């Protein structure tokens, strides 16, 4: 079956704090094929870290659950999904406001969604109470090789 994408990957892991770094490393390895800048890699790793941490901390309330991460590439466009089957978000608009946290006793900053939005081109959040949350993040990668190739074209 032919894919609509240039490449794609999917991973699942337990909602344990130590798997947040696994998600960061996995996405960095996957996007390496796009030859991103160091800043792009850092931004994407940070956004993934925030999305995965939200699933680990908020979705399952310290119970083990599954976090699913997938990524797709098409024409230097990256789409990342982080999904859980946890408790869901009651009010997405409120949850996405800077400094809002549903876990103030854990000294959470409430900046996760704000950070995702600042580092990615777009962030979409879908959630159903009792069924989980899906975060879809998109970013166009301005590859170093692509920029060089463009500058090598002479008219």
Protein backbone atom coordinates (compact mmCIF):
# COMPACT_ATOMS: atom_id res chain seq x y z
CA UNK A 1 0.00 0.00 0.00
CA UNK A 2 1.43 3.35 -1.04
CA UNK A 3 1.59 6.02 1.63
CA UNK A 4 0.48 9.60 1.09
CA UNK A 5 3.55 10.70 3.04
CA UNK A 6 7.27 10.68 2.26
CA UNK A 7 7.84 8.84 5.55
CA UNK A 8 6.00 8.10 8.78
CA UNK A 9 6.52 6.38 12.11
CA UNK A 10 4.50 5.33 15.16
CA UNK A 11 5.58 4.38 18.67
CA UNK A 12 3.76 3.55 21.90
CA UNK A 13 5.19 3.67 25.40
CA UNK A 14 4.08 3.60 29.02
CA UNK A 15 3.15 6.91 30.63
CA UNK A 16 6.25 6.95 32.82
CA UNK A 17 8.31 10.13 33.30
CA UNK A 18 11.47 8.41 32.07
CA UNK A 19 9.83 7.86 28.66
CA UNK A 20 9.62 11.60 28.00
CA UNK A 21 13.32 11.57 27.04
CA UNK A 22 12.69 8.51 24.84
CA UNK A 23 10.06 10.52 22.93
CA UNK A 24 12.48 13.44 22.48
CA UNK A 25 15.25 11.21 21.14
CA UNK A 26 12.85 9.30 18.89
CA UNK A 27 11.47 12.42 17.22
CA UNK A 28 14.96 13.89 16.81
CA UNK A 29 16.14 10.71 15.07
CA UNK A 30 13.08 10.66 12.81
CA UNK A 31 13.36 14.29 11.67
CA UNK A 32 17.11 14.02 11.00
CA UNK A 33 16.26 12.96 7.43
CA UNK A 34 14.97 16.50 6.82
CA UNK A 35 18.34 18.00 7.77
CA UNK A 36 16.81 20.47 10.24
CA UNK A 37 18.76 23.24 11.91
CA UNK A 38 19.83 22.78 15.52
CA UNK A 39 17.17 25.32 16.53
CA UNK A 40 14.46 23.40 14.67
CA UNK A 41 15.47 20.14 16.36
CA UNK A 42 15.48 21.84 19.75
CA UNK A 43 12.07 23.45 19.17
CA UNK A 44 10.48 20.19 18.02
CA UNK A 45 12.00 18.17 20.87
CA UNK A 46 10.71 20.74 23.36
CA UNK A 47 7.18 20.72 21.89
CA UNK A 48 7.11 16.90 21.93
CA UNK A 49 8.39 16.92 25.49
CA UNK A 50 5.55 19.21 26.58
CA UNK A 51 2.88 17.12 24.83
CA UNK A 52 4.21 13.83 26.22
CA UNK A 53 4.62 15.29 29.72
CA UNK A 54 1.00 16.45 29.63
CA UNK A 55 -0.09 12.89 28.84
CA UNK A 56 2.10 11.44 31.58
CA UNK A 57 1.08 13.91 34.30
CA UNK A 58 -2.51 14.79 33.49
CA UNK A 59 -4.06 11.93 31.52
CA UNK A 60 -3.53 9.01 33.83
CA UNK A 61 -3.12 10.52 37.34
CA UNK A 62 -0.02 8.46 38.17
CA UNK A 63 -1.51 5.24 36.82
CA UNK A 64 0.22 3.47 33.95
CA UNK A 65 -1.31 4.13 30.58
CA UNK A 66 -0.18 4.20 26.97
CA UNK A 67 1.08 7.29 25.17
CA UNK A 68 1.09 7.05 21.38
CA UNK A 69 3.31 9.23 19.25
CA UNK A 70 3.31 9.33 15.47
CA UNK A 71 5.04 11.56 12.97
CA UNK A 72 4.58 12.08 9.25
CA UNK A 73 6.69 13.90 6.70
CA UNK A 74 5.45 15.31 3.43
CA UNK A 75 7.46 17.82 1.35
CA UNK A 76 9.46 19.05 4.38
CA UNK A 77 6.26 19.43 6.41
CA UNK A 78 6.24 17.59 9.70
CA UNK A 79 3.10 16.51 11.52
CA UNK A 80 3.38 15.02 15.01
CA UNK A 81 0.55 13.48 17.01
CA UNK A 82 0.74 12.69 20.71
CA UNK A 83 -2.28 10.78 21.97
CA UNK A 84 -3.43 9.18 25.19
CA UNK A 85 -6.53 7.31 26.36
CA UNK A 86 -6.64 9.07 29.69
CA UNK A 87 -9.26 11.14 31.45
CA UNK A 88 -9.44 13.90 28.82
CA UNK A 89 -9.57 17.68 29.16
CA UNK A 90 -12.79 19.25 30.41
CA UNK A 91 -12.19 22.73 28.94
CA UNK A 92 -9.57 22.85 26.17
CA UNK A 93 -9.70 26.65 25.84
CA UNK A 94 -9.02 27.08 29.54
CA UNK A 95 -6.28 24.42 29.51
CA UNK A 96 -4.52 26.23 26.67
CA UNK A 97 -4.38 29.58 28.49
CA UNK A 98 -0.90 30.57 29.66
CA UNK A 99 -0.24 29.82 33.34
CA UNK A 100 -3.36 27.64 33.74
CA UNK A 101 -2.66 24.33 35.45
CA UNK A 102 -4.97 21.65 36.76
CA UNK A 103 -2.19 20.48 39.10
CA UNK A 104 -1.12 23.57 41.10
CA UNK A 105 -0.08 21.34 44.01
CA UNK A 106 2.62 19.85 41.73
CA UNK A 107 4.07 23.30 41.00
CA UNK A 108 3.29 22.96 37.29
CA UNK A 109 3.91 26.15 35.31
CA UNK A 110 0.85 25.88 33.08
CA UNK A 111 2.90 26.80 30.01
CA UNK A 112 2.90 23.47 28.12
CA UNK A 113 0.44 24.38 25.38
CA UNK A 114 1.90 27.90 25.12
CA UNK A 115 5.37 26.44 24.59
CA UNK A 116 4.04 24.01 21.96
CA UNK A 117 2.33 26.89 20.12
CA UNK A 118 5.45 29.07 20.20
CA UNK A 119 7.75 26.36 18.79
CA UNK A 120 5.46 24.81 16.18
CA UNK A 121 3.60 26.37 13.23
CA UNK A 122 0.26 25.02 14.46
CA UNK A 123 -1.12 23.09 17.43
CA UNK A 124 -4.56 21.47 17.52
CA UNK A 125 -5.96 19.80 20.62
CA UNK A 126 -8.87 17.34 20.60
CA UNK A 127 -10.16 15.76 23.79
CA UNK A 128 -13.11 13.77 25.10
CA UNK A 129 -13.74 13.31 28.80
CA UNK A 130 -13.06 9.72 29.76
CA UNK A 131 -11.56 8.86 26.37
CA UNK A 132 -8.35 10.84 26.10
CA UNK A 133 -6.59 13.64 24.30
CA UNK A 134 -4.84 14.05 20.97
CA UNK A 135 -2.41 16.88 20.22
CA UNK A 136 -1.51 17.48 16.58
CA UNK A 137 1.49 19.73 15.93
CA UNK A 138 2.78 20.86 12.54
CA UNK A 139 5.98 22.52 11.42
CA UNK A 140 7.62 23.23 8.08
CA UNK A 141 11.31 22.35 8.18
CA UNK A 142 13.56 24.81 6.39
CA UNK A 143 16.32 22.33 5.70
CA UNK A 144 19.90 23.55 5.47
CA UNK A 145 20.34 21.49 2.29
CA UNK A 146 17.16 22.93 0.78
CA UNK A 147 18.32 26.48 1.49
CA UNK A 148 21.72 25.73 -0.05
CA UNK A 149 20.07 24.14 -3.09
CA UNK A 150 17.89 27.23 -3.53
CA UNK A 151 20.91 29.53 -3.30
CA UNK A 152 22.78 27.43 -5.90
CA UNK A 153 20.11 28.10 -8.52
CA UNK A 154 21.22 30.89 -10.84
CA UNK A 155 18.89 32.60 -13.30
